[in-house]
Structure formats: C-alpha cells, structure tokens
Amino acid sequence: MEEWYTVGELAEKTGIAEPTLRRYITKFHPYFVSKGGNRAKKYKGTAIPILVRIKALYDAGYETAGLADVIRREFPVIINDNKHSETEESQSAAVLATTEDVTELKKVLTEVNQKLAKQEEFNALLIQKLEDQNRFIKKALENPSPLFLEKKTDEEEAAKPAKESKKGFWNRFFK
C-alpha cells in the first residue's frame, strides 16, 4: 500500500524545515504526486528522495536553474490530468522518461535502424542472386549446352560396349 505524508510528516522524515519543504514543493511541483486540498494535502512517499536530493544540491551550492536541470535528469515529471476535485486523490496520468531514458532509447533505436538497414541490404542481394539463378536455369532448359549433348552421346556409346561385353566368354572369341 502506498504511503501518503503531510508536509509536517515529510519534514520529520527528511529533516528539512516545513517552510523550506513548501518552497521546494512549490518550485518543483511537477515532480510530486499529491491528494487532498490546501491544508489537508498529502504527498506520495516518492516525494522523500526528491526532497532530500533537492536539499543536497542546494547545500552543494547549486542555483535553482542548475538544480532544476539535475532534478529533470534524475526524476520523472508527473502529469496530472486535473479532472479530480480538490478532495479526490490526484493520480498521475503518465510518468515521463528522464533525459537518460530518452538518450538510451535513441541509442537503441539507432542500433535497430542500422541492423534493419543491413538486413534489407542482405535481403536485396539474396533476391538478386535468386533471380540470377532462376534466369540461368530457365536459359539452360531452353537452350541445352552442346557440351551437355556431346557428353550424353559419349556416355550412351560407352554403355554399348558394356552390353556387348556381357556376352559369354567363347562368344567374344568367335564373333
């Protein structure tokens, strides 16, 4: 079951002061899933690592603009369809991919496209070879080679003496 926390509970869990938490949530609201109305608003447990990361980046000296870039790469943005009333639970319609996810997808798609292009090239060459072989076979059947005919007659003639040699031993002496 999912955990939901008030701002006060988030302050206890993260060690960040409530006013500071409210400022973080306001500045980076697309990264938080919430339910309820203004003072009764609760945030999903996924808010804790985001808030801790924001505080750590501010403590490291990041400005809000630079911090926003880091958070954008590390955490998904939450899209809210805004069809729920203030008291209903706010569900995210979809979670967007991070920059790293998109980069990885682009890399994989590029590899797939390269392999597909190689496969198409191979298929074209294979089809060409098959067509060439088909033309050769048709041509060979339509116009038999004179060498093939000569070989066939040589084999027929070579087979004749073999038939004669099957005559008896005395018949060969007395033709």
Protein backbone atom coordinates (compact mmCIF):
# COMPACT_ATOMS: atom_id res chain seq x y z
CA MET A 1 0.00 0.00 0.00
CA GLU A 2 1.24 3.47 -0.86
CA GLU A 3 2.29 5.85 1.88
CA TRP A 4 1.00 9.42 1.89
CA TYR A 5 2.54 12.16 4.05
CA THR A 6 1.61 15.67 5.14
CA VAL A 7 4.23 18.43 4.91
CA GLY A 8 4.84 18.04 8.66
CA GLU A 9 5.44 14.31 8.29
CA LEU A 10 7.78 14.92 5.34
CA ALA A 11 9.69 17.43 7.48
CA GLU A 12 10.15 14.77 10.18
CA LYS A 13 11.26 12.09 7.70
CA THR A 14 13.69 14.31 5.75
CA GLY A 15 14.96 16.66 8.47
CA ILE A 16 14.06 19.67 6.32
CA ALA A 17 12.11 22.59 7.84
CA GLU A 18 8.43 22.87 6.82
CA PRO A 19 8.73 26.31 5.17
CA THR A 20 11.69 25.06 3.15
CA LEU A 21 9.76 21.93 2.13
CA ARG A 22 6.82 24.06 0.99
CA ARG A 23 9.21 26.21 -1.08
CA TYR A 24 10.77 23.09 -2.68
CA ILE A 25 7.34 21.62 -3.44
CA THR A 26 6.16 24.91 -4.95
CA LYS A 27 9.27 25.36 -7.13
CA PHE A 28 9.41 21.72 -8.25
CA HIS A 29 5.68 20.81 -8.16
CA PRO A 30 5.77 18.71 -11.39
CA TYR A 31 7.78 16.04 -9.53
CA PHE A 32 5.28 15.43 -6.72
CA VAL A 33 2.06 13.39 -6.61
CA SER A 34 -0.45 14.80 -4.15
CA LYS A 35 -4.01 14.32 -2.95
CA GLY A 36 -6.37 16.38 -0.88
CA GLY A 37 -6.96 20.12 -0.55
CA ASN A 38 -4.71 23.01 0.52
CA ARG A 39 -4.02 22.35 4.23
CA ALA A 40 -5.05 18.68 4.09
CA LYS A 41 -2.81 17.99 1.15
CA LYS A 42 -0.72 14.84 1.35
CA TYR A 43 2.19 13.78 -0.81
CA LYS A 44 3.12 10.33 -2.03
CA GLY A 45 6.15 8.65 -0.45
CA THR A 46 8.11 9.15 -3.69
CA ALA A 47 8.49 12.80 -2.61
CA ILE A 48 11.05 11.93 0.09
CA PRO A 49 14.04 11.08 -2.17
CA ILE A 50 13.27 14.07 -4.39
CA LEU A 51 13.18 16.48 -1.45
CA VAL A 52 16.39 15.03 0.02
CA ARG A 53 18.13 15.37 -3.36
CA ILE A 54 16.95 18.98 -3.78
CA LYS A 55 18.32 19.88 -0.33
CA ALA A 56 21.64 18.16 -1.05
CA LEU A 57 22.01 20.06 -4.33
CA TYR A 58 21.23 23.41 -2.68
CA ASP A 59 23.72 22.57 0.09
CA ALA A 60 26.33 21.79 -2.60
CA GLY A 61 25.93 25.33 -3.96
CA TYR A 62 23.64 24.78 -6.93
CA GLU A 63 21.46 27.63 -8.13
CA THR A 64 17.78 26.87 -8.81
CA ALA A 65 18.25 26.76 -12.62
CA GLY A 66 21.15 24.31 -12.46
CA LEU A 67 19.39 22.30 -9.78
CA ALA A 68 16.28 22.05 -11.99
CA ASP A 69 18.39 20.52 -14.78
CA VAL A 70 19.80 17.86 -12.43
CA ILE A 71 16.37 17.01 -10.99
CA ARG A 72 14.91 16.82 -14.52
CA ARG A 73 17.53 14.20 -15.46
CA GLU A 74 17.15 12.16 -12.28
CA PHE A 75 13.39 12.11 -11.60
CA PRO A 76 10.30 11.74 -13.80
CA VAL A 77 7.86 14.60 -14.18
CA ILE A 78 4.32 13.81 -13.02
CA ILE A 79 1.48 14.76 -15.35
CA ASN A 80 -1.80 15.50 -13.60
CA ASP A 81 -4.97 15.41 -15.68
CA ASN A 82 -6.70 17.88 -13.26
CA LYS A 83 -10.06 16.10 -13.66
CA HIS A 84 -10.30 15.30 -9.94
CA SER A 85 -11.85 17.59 -7.35
CA GLU A 86 -9.71 19.11 -4.61
CA THR A 87 -10.62 16.33 -2.16
CA GLU A 88 -10.08 13.40 -4.51
CA GLU A 89 -6.77 11.67 -4.84
CA SER A 90 -4.70 13.16 -7.64
CA GLN A 91 -3.47 10.36 -9.91
CA SER A 92 -0.69 10.85 -12.39
CA ALA A 93 -1.76 10.25 -15.97
CA ALA A 94 1.69 9.19 -17.03
CA VAL A 95 5.28 9.41 -15.90
CA LEU A 96 7.62 10.96 -18.42
CA ALA A 97 11.01 9.44 -19.11
CA THR A 98 14.16 11.10 -17.82
CA THR A 99 16.78 12.51 -20.16
CA GLU A 100 18.92 9.39 -19.67
CA ASP A 101 15.94 7.20 -20.60
CA VAL A 102 15.38 9.14 -23.80
CA THR A 103 19.10 9.03 -24.63
CA GLU A 104 19.16 5.26 -24.09
CA LEU A 105 16.04 4.83 -26.25
CA LYS A 106 17.62 6.89 -29.04
CA LYS A 107 20.76 4.75 -28.86
CA VAL A 108 18.78 1.51 -29.05
CA LEU A 109 16.63 2.80 -31.91
CA THR A 110 19.74 3.86 -33.83
CA GLU A 111 21.23 0.38 -33.41
CA VAL A 112 17.98 -1.25 -34.51
CA ASN A 113 17.77 1.00 -37.57
CA GLN A 114 21.36 0.15 -38.54
CA LYS A 115 20.71 -3.58 -38.21
CA LEU A 116 17.47 -3.22 -40.17
CA ALA A 117 19.31 -1.39 -42.98
CA LYS A 118 21.93 -4.17 -43.10
CA GLN A 119 19.20 -6.81 -43.18
CA GLU A 120 17.39 -5.01 -46.02
CA GLU A 121 20.66 -4.79 -47.97
CA PHE A 122 21.29 -8.52 -47.43
CA ASN A 123 17.73 -9.36 -48.48
CA ALA A 124 18.10 -7.32 -51.68
CA LEU A 125 21.35 -9.13 -52.55
CA LEU A 126 19.77 -12.50 -51.81
CA ILE A 127 16.76 -11.75 -54.01
CA GLN A 128 19.09 -10.62 -56.81
CA LYS A 129 21.09 -13.88 -56.56
CA LEU A 130 17.92 -15.96 -56.64
CA GLU A 131 16.66 -14.08 -59.68
CA ASP A 132 20.03 -14.61 -61.43
CA GLN A 133 19.93 -18.33 -60.67
CA ASN A 134 16.34 -18.57 -61.89
CA ARG A 135 17.27 -16.87 -65.19
CA PHE A 136 20.28 -19.19 -65.61
CA ILE A 137 18.17 -22.30 -65.02
CA LYS A 138 15.46 -21.15 -67.46
CA LYS A 139 18.09 -20.35 -70.10
CA ALA A 140 19.79 -23.73 -69.59
CA LEU A 141 16.47 -25.55 -70.00
CA GLU A 142 15.53 -23.60 -73.12
CA ASN A 143 18.94 -23.91 -74.83
CA PRO A 144 20.75 -27.05 -73.74
CA SER A 145 24.51 -26.73 -73.95
CA PRO A 146 26.21 -28.57 -76.87
CA LEU A 147 28.78 -29.89 -74.41
CA PHE A 148 25.97 -31.44 -72.39
CA LEU A 149 24.60 -33.14 -75.53
CA GLU A 150 28.09 -34.41 -76.53
CA LYS A 151 28.70 -35.82 -73.09
CA LYS A 152 25.36 -37.56 -73.14
CA THR A 153 26.09 -39.25 -76.51
CA ASP A 154 29.57 -40.26 -75.31
CA GLU A 155 28.01 -41.91 -72.29
CA GLU A 156 25.48 -43.73 -74.47
CA GLU A 157 28.24 -45.04 -76.74
CA ALA A 158 30.36 -46.07 -73.78
CA ALA A 159 27.44 -48.03 -72.43
CA LYS A 160 27.06 -50.03 -75.70
CA PRO A 161 30.33 -51.98 -75.47
CA ALA A 162 29.50 -52.80 -71.90
CA LYS A 163 26.34 -54.52 -73.11
CA GLU A 164 28.31 -56.47 -75.71
CA SER A 165 30.88 -57.49 -73.16
CA LYS A 166 28.19 -59.26 -71.26
CA LYS A 167 28.22 -61.98 -73.93
CA GLY A 168 29.79 -65.23 -72.96
CA PHE A 169 33.50 -65.87 -72.89
CA TRP A 170 33.56 -68.06 -76.06
CA ASN A 171 31.33 -65.64 -77.99
CA ARG A 172 33.95 -62.95 -77.79
CA PHE A 173 36.50 -65.19 -79.47
CA PHE A 174 34.17 -66.32 -82.19
CA LYS A 175 32.36 -63.31 -83.49
